[in-house]
C-alpha atoms as a PDB file:
ATOM      1  CA  MET A   1    -114.963-100.311 -91.383  1.00  0.00           C
ATOM      2  CA  ALA A   2    -117.921-102.991 -90.830  1.00  0.00           C
ATOM      3  CA  GLY A   3    -116.669-106.326 -89.352  1.00  0.00           C
ATOM      4  CA  ALA A   4    -115.308-108.773 -92.055  1.00  0.00           C
ATOM      5  CA  SER A   5    -118.611-110.741 -91.802  1.00  0.00           C
ATOM      6  CA  GLU A   6    -120.416-107.830 -92.375  1.00  0.00           C
ATOM      7  CA  ARG A   7    -118.694-106.260 -95.363  1.00  0.00           C
ATOM      8  CA  THR A   8    -120.935-105.250 -98.444  1.00  0.00           C
ATOM      9  CA  PHE A   9    -118.699-107.144-100.925  1.00  0.00           C
ATOM     10  CA  SER A  10    -117.479-110.052 -98.756  1.00  0.00           C
ATOM     11  CA  GLY A  11    -117.295-113.162-101.711  1.00  0.00           C
ATOM     12  CA  ARG A  12    -117.553-110.216-104.552  1.00  0.00           C
ATOM     13  CA  SER A  13    -114.536-110.187-107.213  1.00  0.00           C
ATOM     14  CA  ALA A  14    -113.972-107.122-109.207  1.00  0.00           C
ATOM     15  CA  LEU A  15    -111.880-105.913-111.924  1.00  0.00           C
ATOM     16  CA  VAL A  16    -111.173-102.011-111.905  1.00  0.00           C
ATOM     17  CA  VAL A  17    -109.496-101.134-115.140  1.00  0.00           C
ATOM     18  CA  GLY A  18    -107.577 -97.654-114.388  1.00  0.00           C
ATOM     19  CA  GLY A  19    -107.192 -98.181-110.795  1.00  0.00           C
ATOM     20  CA  SER A  20    -103.568 -97.418-110.261  1.00  0.00           C
ATOM     21  CA  ARG A  21    -104.681 -93.629-109.946  1.00  0.00           C
ATOM     22  CA  GLY A  22    -107.712 -91.211-108.778  1.00  0.00           C
ATOM     23  CA  LEU A  23    -110.981 -91.928-108.982  1.00  0.00           C
ATOM     24  CA  GLY A  24    -109.886 -95.529-110.231  1.00  0.00           C
ATOM     25  CA  ARG A  25    -107.726 -95.628-107.246  1.00  0.00           C
ATOM     26  CA  ALA A  26    -110.189 -94.775-104.821  1.00  0.00           C
ATOM     27  CA  VAL A  27    -112.742 -97.118-106.099  1.00  0.00           C
ATOM     28  CA  ALA A  28    -110.100 -99.818-105.518  1.00  0.00           C
ATOM     29  CA  LEU A  29    -109.240 -99.196-102.545  1.00  0.00           C
ATOM     30  CA  ALA A  30    -112.904 -98.989-101.111  1.00  0.00           C
ATOM     31  CA  LEU A  31    -113.897-101.554-102.780  1.00  0.00           C
ATOM     32  CA  ALA A  32    -110.958-103.718-100.894  1.00  0.00           C
ATOM     33  CA  ALA A  33    -111.985-102.081 -97.951  1.00  0.00           C
ATOM     34  CA  GLU A  34    -115.215-103.990 -98.130  1.00  0.00           C
ATOM     35  CA  GLY A  35    -114.482-107.280 -98.748  1.00  0.00           C
ATOM     36  CA  ALA A  36    -114.166-108.184-102.181  1.00  0.00           C
ATOM     37  CA  ARG A  37    -110.972-109.271-104.089  1.00  0.00           C
ATOM     38  CA  VAL A  38    -109.810-106.821-106.582  1.00  0.00           C
ATOM     39  CA  LEU A  39    -107.496-106.932-109.342  1.00  0.00           C
ATOM     40  CA  ALA A  40    -106.444-103.000-110.522  1.00  0.00           C
ATOM     41  CA  THR A  41    -104.711-102.634-113.700  1.00  0.00           C
ATOM     42  CA  GLY A  42    -102.982 -99.164-115.075  1.00  0.00           C
ATOM     43  CA  ARG A  43    -100.118 -98.125-117.243  1.00  0.00           C
ATOM     44  CA  ASN A  44     -97.342 -96.975-115.055  1.00  0.00           C
ATOM     45  CA  ALA A  45     -96.084 -99.189-112.996  1.00  0.00           C
ATOM     46  CA  ALA A  46     -94.812 -96.513-110.419  1.00  0.00           C
ATOM     47  CA  ALA A  47     -98.342 -95.801-109.773  1.00  0.00           C
ATOM     48  CA  LEU A  48     -99.441 -99.591-109.378  1.00  0.00           C
ATOM     49  CA  ALA A  49     -97.045 -99.846-106.815  1.00  0.00           C
ATOM     50  CA  GLU A  50     -97.964 -97.120-105.097  1.00  0.00           C
ATOM     51  CA  LEU A  51    -101.735 -98.320-104.800  1.00  0.00           C
ATOM     52  CA  ARG A  52    -100.121-101.984-103.530  1.00  0.00           C
ATOM     53  CA  MET A  53     -98.206 -99.296-100.554  1.00  0.00           C
ATOM     54  CA  ILE A  54    -101.470 -97.488 -99.990  1.00  0.00           C
ATOM     55  CA  ALA A  55    -103.338-100.833 -99.794  1.00  0.00           C
ATOM     56  CA  ARG A  56    -100.785-102.258 -97.438  1.00  0.00           C
ATOM     57  CA  ALA A  57    -100.834 -99.235 -95.215  1.00  0.00           C
ATOM     58  CA  ARG A  58    -104.795 -99.438 -95.088  1.00  0.00           C
ATOM     59  CA  GLY A  59    -104.906-103.155 -94.135  1.00  0.00           C
ATOM     60  CA  VAL A  60    -106.474-104.700 -97.609  1.00  0.00           C
ATOM     61  CA  ARG A  61    -104.833-106.547-100.398  1.00  0.00           C
ATOM     62  CA  ILE A  62    -105.527-105.631-103.851  1.00  0.00           C
ATOM     63  CA  ARG A  63    -103.256-107.628-107.114  1.00  0.00           C
ATOM     64  CA  THR A  64    -102.316-105.322-109.787  1.00  0.00           C
ATOM     65  CA  LEU A  65    -101.499-105.629-113.564  1.00  0.00           C
ATOM     66  CA  ARG A  66     -99.797-103.011-116.000  1.00  0.00           C
ATOM     67  CA  SER A  67    -101.915-102.882-118.552  1.00  0.00           C
ATOM     68  CA  ASP A  68    -103.875-100.253-121.439  1.00  0.00           C
ATOM     69  CA  ALA A  69    -106.851-100.635-122.332  1.00  0.00           C
ATOM     70  CA  ARG A  70    -107.116 -99.283-125.101  1.00  0.00           C
ATOM     71  CA  VAL A  71    -105.093-102.673-126.452  1.00  0.00           C
ATOM     72  CA  ARG A  72    -107.854-105.493-126.991  1.00  0.00           C
ATOM     73  CA  GLY A  73    -105.203-108.520-126.380  1.00  0.00           C
ATOM     74  CA  ARG A  74    -103.897-106.354-123.179  1.00  0.00           C
ATOM     75  CA  VAL A  75    -107.700-106.370-122.087  1.00  0.00           C
ATOM     76  CA  ARG A  76    -107.961-110.083-122.334  1.00  0.00           C
ATOM     77  CA  GLU A  77    -104.933-110.397-120.261  1.00  0.00           C
ATOM     78  CA  ALA A  78    -106.651-108.257-117.612  1.00  0.00           C
ATOM     79  CA  PHE A  79    -109.503-110.705-117.161  1.00  0.00           C
ATOM     80  CA  ARG A  80    -107.978-113.864-117.671  1.00  0.00           C
ATOM     81  CA  ARG A  81    -105.228-112.127-114.833  1.00  0.00           C
ATOM     82  CA  ALA A  82    -108.488-111.734-112.687  1.00  0.00           C
ATOM     83  CA  ALA A  83    -110.503-114.852-113.306  1.00  0.00           C
ATOM     84  CA  SER A  84    -107.118-116.722-111.867  1.00  0.00           C
ATOM     85  CA  THR A  85    -106.302-114.391-109.075  1.00  0.00           C
ATOM     86  CA  VAL A  86    -110.045-113.162-108.146  1.00  0.00           C
ATOM     87  CA  GLY A  87    -112.341-114.951-110.023  1.00  0.00           C
ATOM     88  CA  GLY A  88    -114.984-113.637-112.003  1.00  0.00           C
ATOM     89  CA  PRO A  89    -115.343-110.667-111.976  1.00  0.00           C
ATOM     90  CA  ASP A  90    -118.419-109.964-110.732  1.00  0.00           C
ATOM     91  CA  LEU A  91    -118.040-106.393-110.834  1.00  0.00           C
ATOM     92  CA  LEU A  92    -116.311-103.886-113.672  1.00  0.00           C
ATOM     93  CA  VAL A  93    -115.359-100.824-113.001  1.00  0.00           C
ATOM     94  CA  HIS A  94    -113.944 -98.677-115.978  1.00  0.00           C
ATOM     95  CA  ALA A  95    -112.432 -95.768-115.176  1.00  0.00           C
ATOM     96  CA  VAL A  96    -110.453 -95.063-118.003  1.00  0.00           C
ATOM     97  CA  GLY A  97    -110.212 -91.996-119.930  1.00  0.00           C
ATOM     98  CA  ASP A  98    -107.292 -89.629-121.254  1.00  0.00           C
ATOM     99  CA  TYR A  99    -108.625 -85.619-121.176  1.00  0.00           C
ATOM    100  CA  TRP A 100    -107.697 -83.318-123.728  1.00  0.00           C
ATOM    101  CA  ALA A 101    -109.323 -79.561-124.132  1.00  0.00           C
ATOM    102  CA  GLY A 102    -108.150 -77.157-126.635  1.00  0.00           C
ATOM    103  CA  PRO A 103    -109.434 -74.800-129.640  1.00  0.00           C
ATOM    104  CA  LEU A 104    -111.521 -76.357-132.218  1.00  0.00           C
ATOM    105  CA  SER A 105    -108.278 -75.541-134.256  1.00  0.00           C
ATOM    106  CA  ARG A 106    -105.676 -78.324-132.748  1.00  0.00           C
ATOM    107  CA  LEU A 107    -108.001 -80.929-132.555  1.00  0.00           C
ATOM    108  CA  THR A 108    -106.228 -83.305-135.154  1.00  0.00           C
ATOM    109  CA  GLY A 109    -107.607 -86.712-136.846  1.00  0.00           C
ATOM    110  CA  GLU A 110    -105.188 -88.286-134.160  1.00  0.00           C
ATOM    111  CA  ARG A 111    -106.136 -86.253-131.259  1.00  0.00           C
ATOM    112  CA  TRP A 112    -109.688 -87.617-131.602  1.00  0.00           C
ATOM    113  CA  GLU A 113    -108.998 -91.112-132.589  1.00  0.00           C
ATOM    114  CA  ALA A 114    -106.901 -91.109-129.383  1.00  0.00           C
ATOM    115  CA  LEU A 115    -109.826 -89.149-126.995  1.00  0.00           C
ATOM    116  CA  ALA A 116    -112.212 -91.648-128.532  1.00  0.00           C
ATOM    117  CA  ARG A 117    -109.888 -95.191-128.460  1.00  0.00           C
ATOM    118  CA  SER A 118    -108.820 -94.636-124.165  1.00  0.00           C
ATOM    119  CA  ASN A 119    -112.467 -93.133-123.365  1.00  0.00           C
ATOM    120  CA  VAL A 120    -114.762 -95.672-125.495  1.00  0.00           C
ATOM    121  CA  THR A 121    -113.060 -97.860-126.998  1.00  0.00           C
ATOM    122  CA  SER A 122    -111.261 -99.130-123.649  1.00  0.00           C
ATOM    123  CA  ALA A 123    -114.704 -99.324-122.632  1.00  0.00           C
ATOM    124  CA  ILE A 124    -116.443-101.808-125.496  1.00  0.00           C
ATOM    125  CA  HIS A 125    -113.131-103.953-124.924  1.00  0.00           C
ATOM    126  CA  SER A 126    -113.595-104.396-121.205  1.00  0.00           C
ATOM    127  CA  ILE A 127    -117.215-104.768-121.435  1.00  0.00           C
ATOM    128  CA  GLN A 128    -117.075-107.320-123.837  1.00  0.00           C
ATOM    129  CA  GLU A 129    -114.870-109.338-122.161  1.00  0.00           C
ATOM    130  CA  ALA A 130    -117.311-109.204-118.938  1.00  0.00           C
ATOM    131  CA  LEU A 131    -120.111-110.130-120.527  1.00  0.00           C
ATOM    132  CA  PRO A 132    -120.119-113.329-121.191  1.00  0.00           C
ATOM    133  CA  ARG A 133    -118.988-114.409-117.684  1.00  0.00           C
ATOM    134  CA  MET A 134    -121.467-112.493-116.324  1.00  0.00           C
ATOM    135  CA  ARG A 135    -123.765-113.807-118.186  1.00  0.00           C
ATOM    136  CA  ARG A 136    -122.893-117.551-117.364  1.00  0.00           C
ATOM    137  CA  ARG A 137    -123.647-116.381-113.318  1.00  0.00           C
ATOM    138  CA  ARG A 138    -126.203-114.369-114.639  1.00  0.00           C
ATOM    139  CA  TYR A 139    -125.073-111.695-112.205  1.00  0.00           C
ATOM    140  CA  GLY A 140    -123.000-108.617-113.104  1.00  0.00           C
ATOM    141  CA  ARG A 141    -122.241-104.589-111.681  1.00  0.00           C
ATOM    142  CA  ILE A 142    -120.878-102.592-114.367  1.00  0.00           C
ATOM    143  CA  LEU A 143    -119.808 -99.187-113.647  1.00  0.00           C
ATOM    144  CA  LEU A 144    -118.517 -96.263-115.618  1.00  0.00           C
ATOM    145  CA  PHE A 145    -117.422 -92.964-115.052  1.00  0.00           C
ATOM    146  CA  GLY A 146    -118.090 -89.567-117.491  1.00  0.00           C
ATOM    147  CA  VAL A 147    -118.581 -85.837-116.793  1.00  0.00           C
ATOM    148  CA  ALA A 148    -120.989 -83.941-114.946  1.00  0.00           C
ATOM    149  CA  GLY A 149    -123.479 -82.421-117.582  1.00  0.00           C
ATOM    150  CA  GLY A 150    -122.723 -85.629-119.930  1.00  0.00           C
ATOM    151  CA  GLU A 151    -125.900 -86.944-119.756  1.00  0.00           C
ATOM    152  CA  SER A 152    -127.150 -84.328-122.832  1.00  0.00           C
ATOM    153  CA  PRO A 153    -125.422 -81.963-124.894  1.00  0.00           C
ATOM    154  CA  ARG A 154    -124.531 -79.035-124.545  1.00  0.00           C
ATOM    155  CA  ALA A 155    -121.663 -76.720-125.354  1.00  0.00           C
ATOM    156  CA  ALA A 156    -118.206 -77.437-123.958  1.00  0.00           C
ATOM    157  CA  HIS A 157    -115.697 -74.753-124.453  1.00  0.00           C
ATOM    158  CA  HIS A 158    -112.317 -76.241-124.976  1.00  0.00           C
ATOM    159  CA  ALA A 159    -113.461 -79.429-123.371  1.00  0.00           C
ATOM    160  CA  HIS A 160    -115.549 -80.399-126.967  1.00  0.00           C
ATOM    161  CA  ALA A 161    -113.631 -83.480-128.034  1.00  0.00           C
ATOM    162  CA  TYR A 162    -113.322 -85.190-124.623  1.00  0.00           C
ATOM    163  CA  ARG A 163    -117.472 -84.644-123.669  1.00  0.00           C
ATOM    164  CA  ALA A 164    -118.352 -86.085-126.873  1.00  0.00           C
ATOM    165  CA  ALA A 165    -116.397 -88.490-125.730  1.00  0.00           C
ATOM    166  CA  LYS A 166    -118.307 -89.009-122.763  1.00  0.00           C
ATOM    167  CA  ILE A 167    -121.352 -88.875-124.528  1.00  0.00           C
ATOM    168  CA  ALA A 168    -120.927 -91.505-126.642  1.00  0.00           C
ATOM    169  CA  LEU A 169    -120.297 -93.212-123.830  1.00  0.00           C
ATOM    170  CA  LEU A 170    -123.233 -92.762-122.238  1.00  0.00           C
ATOM    171  CA  VAL A 171    -125.441 -93.827-125.341  1.00  0.00           C
ATOM    172  CA  LEU A 172    -122.958 -96.693-125.012  1.00  0.00           C
ATOM    173  CA  ALA A 173    -123.834 -97.795-121.254  1.00  0.00           C
ATOM    174  CA  ARG A 174    -127.243 -97.316-121.826  1.00  0.00           C
ATOM    175  CA  SER A 175    -127.922 -99.571-125.077  1.00  0.00           C
ATOM    176  CA  ILE A 176    -126.207-102.517-123.162  1.00  0.00           C
ATOM    177  CA  ALA A 177    -127.738-101.776-120.012  1.00  0.00           C
ATOM    178  CA  GLN A 178    -131.348-102.379-122.085  1.00  0.00           C
ATOM    179  CA  GLU A 179    -129.562-105.679-123.689  1.00  0.00           C
ATOM    180  CA  GLU A 180    -128.038-107.363-120.161  1.00  0.00           C
ATOM    181  CA  ALA A 181    -131.036-106.498-117.617  1.00  0.00           C
ATOM    182  CA  PRO A 182    -132.679-109.915-118.368  1.00  0.00           C
ATOM    183  CA  ASN A 183    -129.455-111.089-117.172  1.00  0.00           C
ATOM    184  CA  GLY A 184    -128.421-109.603-114.044  1.00  0.00           C
ATOM    185  CA  ILE A 185    -125.768-107.517-115.561  1.00  0.00           C
ATOM    186  CA  THR A 186    -126.470-103.412-114.454  1.00  0.00           C
ATOM    187  CA  VAL A 187    -124.655-100.659-116.151  1.00  0.00           C
ATOM    188  CA  ASN A 188    -124.588 -97.582-114.674  1.00  0.00           C
ATOM    189  CA  MET A 189    -122.290 -93.967-115.314  1.00  0.00           C
ATOM    190  CA  ILE A 190    -121.351 -91.579-112.355  1.00  0.00           C
ATOM    191  CA  LEU A 191    -120.356 -88.133-113.497  1.00  0.00           C
ATOM    192  CA  PRO A 192    -118.173 -86.596-111.545  1.00  0.00           C
ATOM    193  CA  GLY A 193    -117.532 -82.690-111.274  1.00  0.00           C
ATOM    194  CA  VAL A 194    -114.312 -81.397-110.035  1.00  0.00           C
ATOM    195  CA  ILE A 195    -113.289 -83.431-107.411  1.00  0.00           C
ATOM    196  CA  GLY A 196    -110.164 -82.207-105.129  1.00  0.00           C
ATOM    197  CA  PRO A 197    -108.652 -84.172-102.335  1.00  0.00           C
ATOM    198  CA  GLY A 198    -110.702 -84.282 -99.385  1.00  0.00           C
ATOM    199  CA  GLY A 199    -112.659 -81.787-101.721  1.00  0.00           C
ATOM    200  CA  ARG A 200    -110.286 -79.143-100.664  1.00  0.00           C
ATOM    201  CA  ALA A 201    -110.159 -76.324-103.462  1.00  0.00           C
ATOM    202  CA  ARG A 202    -106.262 -76.116-103.424  1.00  0.00           C
ATOM    203  CA  GLY A 203    -105.398 -73.972-107.094  1.00  0.00           C
ATOM    204  CA  ASN A 204    -109.363 -74.398-107.598  1.00  0.00           C
ATOM    205  CA  ALA A 205    -110.402 -71.616-104.871  1.00  0.00           C
ATOM    206  CA  PRO A 206    -111.934 -69.454-108.046  1.00  0.00           C
ATOM    207  CA  LEU A 207    -113.720 -72.672-109.349  1.00  0.00           C
ATOM    208  CA  ALA A 208    -115.185 -73.574-106.267  1.00  0.00           C
ATOM    209  CA  THR A 209    -117.188 -70.526-105.478  1.00  0.00           C
ATOM    210  CA  ARG A 210    -118.916 -71.216-108.946  1.00  0.00           C
ATOM    211  CA  ILE A 211    -120.474 -74.418-107.007  1.00  0.00           C
ATOM    212  CA  PRO A 212    -123.296 -73.788-105.027  1.00  0.00           C
ATOM    213  CA  GLY A 213    -121.873 -76.262-102.881  1.00  0.00           C
ATOM    214  CA  ARG A 214    -119.079 -73.624-102.676  1.00  0.00           C
ATOM    215  CA  ARG A 215    -116.210 -76.314-102.378  1.00  0.00           C
ATOM    216  CA  LEU A 216    -114.967 -79.252-104.690  1.00  0.00           C
ATOM    217  CA  GLY A 217    -116.018 -83.304-104.479  1.00  0.00           C
ATOM    218  CA  SER A 218    -113.875 -85.631-102.459  1.00  0.00           C
ATOM    219  CA  PRO A 219    -113.059 -89.126-103.504  1.00  0.00           C
ATOM    220  CA  ARG A 220    -114.621 -90.369-100.177  1.00  0.00           C
ATOM    221  CA  GLU A 221    -117.862 -88.773-102.055  1.00  0.00           C
ATOM    222  CA  VAL A 222    -117.010 -90.741-105.534  1.00  0.00           C
ATOM    223  CA  THR A 223    -116.431 -93.770-103.650  1.00  0.00           C
ATOM    224  CA  ARG A 224    -119.276 -93.960-101.907  1.00  0.00           C
ATOM    225  CA  ALA A 225    -121.420 -93.504-104.468  1.00  0.00           C
ATOM    226  CA  ALA A 226    -120.061 -96.367-106.535  1.00  0.00           C
ATOM    227  CA  LEU A 227    -120.335 -98.752-103.788  1.00  0.00           C
ATOM    228  CA  PHE A 228    -123.939 -98.224-104.097  1.00  0.00           C
ATOM    229  CA  LEU A 229    -124.399 -98.377-107.315  1.00  0.00           C
ATOM    230  CA  LEU A 230    -122.047-101.791-107.377  1.00  0.00           C
ATOM    231  CA  ALA A 231    -123.699-103.261-104.669  1.00  0.00           C
ATOM    232  CA  GLN A 232    -126.848-106.347-105.066  1.00  0.00           C
ATOM    233  CA  GLU A 233    -129.078-104.603-103.289  1.00  0.00           C
ATOM    234  CA  SER A 234    -128.826-101.957-106.338  1.00  0.00           C
ATOM    235  CA  GLY A 235    -129.503-104.353-109.200  1.00  0.00           C
ATOM    236  CA  TYR A 236    -132.796-102.644-109.914  1.00  0.00           C
ATOM    237  CA  ILE A 237    -130.684 -99.919-110.964  1.00  0.00           C
ATOM    238  CA  THR A 238    -129.292 -99.647-114.450  1.00  0.00           C
ATOM    239  CA  GLY A 239    -128.930 -97.533-117.114  1.00  0.00           C
ATOM    240  CA  SER A 240    -128.432 -94.419-114.605  1.00  0.00           C
ATOM    241  CA  THR A 241    -126.237 -91.977-114.438  1.00  0.00           C
ATOM    242  CA  LEU A 242    -125.253 -90.492-111.143  1.00  0.00           C
ATOM    243  CA  THR A 243    -124.187 -86.731-110.970  1.00  0.00           C
ATOM    244  CA  LEU A 244    -121.803 -85.621-107.817  1.00  0.00           C
ATOM    245  CA  SER A 245    -121.397 -81.615-108.715  1.00  0.00           C
ATOM    246  CA  GLY A 246    -122.133 -79.991-105.736  1.00  0.00           C
ATOM    247  CA  GLY A 247    -125.138 -78.187-107.690  1.00  0.00           C
ATOM    248  CA  LEU A 248    -122.548 -77.684-110.755  1.00  0.00           C
ATOM    249  CA  LEU A 249    -124.854 -77.031-114.013  1.00  0.00           C
ATOM    250  CA  LEU A 250    -127.652 -76.755-112.485  1.00  0.00           C
END
């Protein structure tokens, strides 16, 4: 880690929506390690407690808030908490998105609405709350998460509804990127492939053989991409996608 005076995000504030576990947690920890003041939200109290424990073990501080990004009022509360504890935020990371796969015959209206609410509506709530503050400062970085291959429509066996939601999220991201570019605000997406702890395949060894890189991606690789897109120096990159898939779907 760089020295305190050299850390990339010193002085910046970040809200990581869905930061209690998975890639959201990894990005929250990486931002804190690079000097950002971080508030991470999540639905699960135990996962948030585990995040705080990991942060303490690494010598960084992360504030947490139990929240639900699918509910507009809870998102508004999270931004109020961010403003009063970490400031801003200058950086918004949206790492929310429930997954469902199954045959079309089992895709009920309720399942689809839940997927859309988790993956897309939650992002709309978060971005709408972030933009007024970012516009006033004429600075902002917004980062969303999609799925490898999600930059173009394609068949998706059993994961059709999930991928449809992620494509909708990408259209939203690019539209907002175009609108907000004059205000110094960027909006980008990371499209991860199959990510495993440390890149290890574990139970996905057969899948790893189908990936040209012959392994899974690691959370560290995803966080390096995230920090790149969130950095001040990346202000000329907006409306872009960055795929991390080891060559899958080429």
